Protein backbone atom coordinates (compact mmCIF):
# COMPACT_ATOMS: atom_id res chain seq x y z
CA MET A 1 0.00 0.00 0.00
CA ARG A 2 2.78 2.46 0.88
CA ARG A 3 4.55 1.86 -2.44
CA THR A 4 1.29 2.55 -4.31
CA ALA A 5 0.79 5.78 -2.38
CA VAL A 6 4.34 6.96 -3.10
CA THR A 7 4.02 6.00 -6.78
CA THR A 8 0.67 7.80 -6.99
CA LEU A 9 2.17 10.89 -5.35
CA ALA A 10 5.11 10.87 -7.76
CA LEU A 11 2.79 10.44 -10.78
CA ALA A 12 0.51 13.23 -9.57
CA ALA A 13 3.56 15.45 -9.12
CA VAL A 14 4.66 14.82 -12.70
CA LEU A 15 1.15 15.52 -14.04
CA VAL A 16 0.89 18.91 -12.34
CA GLY A 17 4.48 20.02 -12.86
CA THR A 18 5.69 19.74 -9.27
CA GLN A 19 8.21 17.45 -7.69
CA PRO A 20 8.03 15.23 -4.62
CA ALA A 21 9.90 16.77 -1.69
CA SER A 22 12.73 14.24 -2.02
CA ALA A 23 13.43 14.99 -5.70
CA GLU A 24 16.54 16.89 -6.77
CA PRO A 25 16.03 20.43 -8.12
CA ALA A 26 14.77 20.42 -11.70
CA ARG A 27 16.89 21.71 -14.53
CA GLY A 28 15.64 23.75 -17.45
CA TRP A 29 13.20 25.98 -15.56
CA GLU A 30 13.06 29.56 -16.87
CA PRO A 31 11.18 32.68 -15.73
CA ALA A 32 7.65 33.05 -17.16
CA PRO A 33 6.60 36.56 -16.12
CA SER A 34 2.96 37.65 -16.34
CA ALA A 35 2.16 40.96 -18.02
CA PRO A 36 -0.32 43.46 -16.58
CA TRP A 37 -3.73 43.34 -18.31
CA ASP A 38 -6.94 45.31 -18.66
CA VAL A 39 -10.47 44.26 -19.62
CA GLY A 40 -13.34 46.63 -20.28
CA ALA A 41 -16.66 46.83 -18.47
CA GLY A 42 -18.83 43.83 -19.34
CA ALA A 43 -15.98 41.69 -20.65
CA ARG A 44 -15.51 39.79 -17.36
CA CYS A 45 -17.08 41.96 -14.62
CA ASP A 46 -19.75 44.68 -14.91
CA PHE A 47 -16.96 47.27 -14.55
CA PRO A 48 -13.46 47.68 -16.06
CA VAL A 49 -10.73 45.61 -14.40
CA HIS A 50 -6.96 45.93 -14.26
CA GLY A 51 -4.73 43.03 -13.22
CA GLU A 52 -1.09 43.34 -12.28
CA PRO A 53 1.30 40.89 -10.65
CA VAL A 54 2.63 42.09 -7.27
CA VAL A 55 4.58 38.85 -6.70
CA ASP A 56 5.67 36.91 -9.77
CA GLU A 57 8.07 34.02 -9.32
CA VAL A 58 6.49 31.77 -11.96
CA VAL A 59 8.83 29.56 -13.93
CA ARG A 60 8.18 27.24 -16.83
CA ARG A 61 9.81 24.15 -18.22
CA VAL A 62 9.19 22.86 -21.74
CA LEU A 63 8.45 19.14 -21.46
CA SER A 64 8.05 18.34 -25.16
CA THR A 65 8.00 20.01 -28.55
CA TYR A 66 6.55 19.31 -31.97
CA PRO A 67 8.92 18.38 -34.87
CA ASP A 68 8.96 22.06 -35.95
CA GLY A 69 10.28 23.04 -32.49
CA SER A 70 7.07 24.67 -31.22
CA VAL A 71 6.02 23.91 -27.66
CA ARG A 72 3.75 20.91 -27.17
CA ARG A 73 3.72 20.48 -23.37
CA VAL A 74 4.98 22.95 -20.78
CA ALA A 75 4.89 22.93 -16.97
CA TYR A 76 4.39 26.05 -14.85
CA ARG A 77 4.93 26.56 -11.13
CA GLY A 78 5.78 29.31 -8.66
CA ASP A 79 4.32 32.08 -6.56
CA LEU A 80 1.97 34.51 -8.29
CA ILE A 81 -0.09 37.17 -6.55
CA VAL A 82 -2.18 39.32 -8.91
CA ARG A 83 -3.72 42.59 -7.72
CA VAL A 84 -7.13 42.75 -9.40
CA THR A 85 -8.55 46.30 -9.39
CA ASN A 86 -11.93 47.80 -10.24
CA THR A 87 -10.64 50.82 -12.16
CA GLU A 88 -13.88 52.77 -11.59
CA THR A 89 -13.69 52.65 -7.78
CA GLY A 90 -10.11 51.69 -7.03
CA SER A 91 -11.28 48.68 -5.00
CA SER A 92 -8.71 45.89 -5.26
CA TYR A 93 -8.08 42.33 -4.19
CA ASP A 94 -4.79 40.44 -4.12
CA ALA A 95 -5.50 37.03 -5.66
CA ASP A 96 -3.07 34.20 -4.90
CA ALA A 97 -2.81 32.35 -8.23
CA SER A 98 0.21 30.24 -7.20
CA GLY A 99 -0.97 26.96 -8.69
CA SER A 100 1.01 24.63 -10.89
CA ALA A 101 -0.06 23.33 -14.27
CA VAL A 102 0.96 21.27 -17.24
CA VAL A 103 -0.38 22.81 -20.45
CA GLU A 104 -0.67 20.88 -23.70
CA HIS A 105 -0.71 23.11 -26.79
CA ARG A 106 -2.45 21.32 -29.66
CA PRO A 107 -1.89 21.93 -33.39
CA ASP A 108 -5.46 23.28 -33.82
CA GLY A 109 -4.80 26.05 -31.26
CA SER A 110 -6.67 24.36 -28.41
CA GLN A 111 -5.11 23.72 -25.02
CA ARG A 112 -5.56 21.25 -22.18
CA TRP A 113 -4.55 22.34 -18.70
CA ALA A 114 -3.98 19.87 -15.83
CA VAL A 115 -3.93 22.07 -12.73
CA HIS A 116 -3.21 21.75 -9.04
CA GLY A 117 -3.87 24.81 -6.91
CA PRO A 118 -5.22 28.25 -7.67
CA VAL A 119 -5.15 29.76 -11.17
CA LEU A 120 -6.83 32.95 -12.37
CA VAL A 121 -9.44 32.20 -15.07
CA GLY A 122 -11.32 34.86 -17.04
CA VAL A 123 -14.48 33.85 -18.88
CA GLY A 124 -16.33 35.94 -21.46
CA GLN A 125 -20.10 35.86 -21.98
CA GLY A 126 -21.04 32.44 -23.39
CA GLN A 127 -17.38 31.44 -23.56
CA GLY A 128 -17.15 28.85 -20.83
CA SER A 129 -18.62 26.29 -18.50
CA LEU A 130 -18.51 29.03 -15.85
CA PRO A 131 -20.64 32.17 -16.25
CA ARG A 132 -19.00 35.39 -17.48
CA GLY A 133 -16.57 36.50 -14.83
CA LEU A 134 -13.12 36.48 -13.35
CA TYR A 135 -12.38 33.54 -11.06
CA LEU A 136 -9.73 32.08 -8.85
CA VAL A 137 -10.18 28.36 -9.50
CA ASP A 138 -8.48 26.28 -6.82
CA GLY A 139 -8.04 22.55 -6.37
CA VAL A 140 -7.33 19.68 -8.73
CA TYR A 141 -8.94 20.15 -12.12
CA THR A 142 -8.57 20.28 -15.87
CA MET A 143 -9.43 23.07 -18.22
CA GLU A 144 -9.96 22.60 -21.94
CA ILE A 145 -9.65 25.73 -24.08
CA SER A 146 -11.07 25.34 -27.59
CA PRO A 147 -9.54 26.99 -30.66
CA THR A 148 -12.28 29.67 -30.32
CA GLY A 149 -11.41 30.34 -26.66
CA TYR A 150 -14.29 28.45 -24.99
CA LYS A 151 -13.09 27.36 -21.51
CA SER A 152 -14.46 24.18 -19.98
CA VAL A 153 -13.38 23.75 -16.35
CA ARG A 154 -13.78 20.26 -14.84
CA LEU A 155 -13.17 20.21 -11.09
CA LEU A 156 -12.04 16.90 -9.64
CA HIS A 157 -11.91 18.57 -6.25
CA GLY A 158 -11.92 22.32 -5.75
CA THR A 159 -13.62 25.67 -5.57
CA THR A 160 -14.26 28.76 -7.66
CA ASP A 161 -13.99 32.24 -6.13
CA ASP A 162 -15.74 35.12 -7.95
CA LEU A 163 -13.17 37.94 -8.01
CA CYS A 164 -15.66 40.43 -9.48
CA ALA A 165 -17.63 40.15 -6.23
CA HIS A 166 -14.48 40.98 -4.21
CA ILE A 167 -13.89 44.28 -6.02
CA GLU A 168 -17.37 45.51 -6.97
CA SER A 169 -17.74 47.74 -3.88
CA THR A 170 -16.77 51.38 -3.77
CA THR A 171 -14.38 50.95 -0.85
CA HIS A 172 -10.68 50.15 -1.11
CA ARG A 173 -9.55 46.80 0.24
C-alpha cells in the first residue's frame, strides 16, 4: 500500500508540474513573467478591471516540442499574486494564483490544462462552463480551451472564487 501511495504521489507530481519533496532540483526551468492586463466593463465583470502581478516568481519548463520546435507540453509553477482592481472605484483584491499546471498546446490552437492549486481564469459571456466573470479556481482540475477560446473547467476537487464580487464595492480593500 505504501509503495502505491508513493508511486501515486510521484505520478501526480509529474502531471501537475511539481516534484516530490525528495526529488533533486529540476533543470531547465526559466522565468515566465505575467504581463499586466486590462479588460473593459462587461468583458468579465460589470466594470473595467486591471490586473497586475505584485509577486511573480512563476517559472516554466518545456516538457516536449513538436517536430517544428514549437512547444507541445509545458509545466508552470511558482508564486503569483495578482492585484485585481476595479478601475472605476479603485477597489482591489490580491489574488493568490500560485498553482502549478501542465499545459498541452495542440496543433489546432486548443489547449488542455492539468492544474493543481489556484489559477486565475477569465471567462467571457457564453465562452465557458462558468458564467461570465473572473475567477480564482483552486483545487485539482482540468481546463480545456477550444480553438475559439471556450473554456471548460472540470473540477475533480476544488472551488471557484468570484473575483468580481471581491472588487465591486466602492471601498478600497
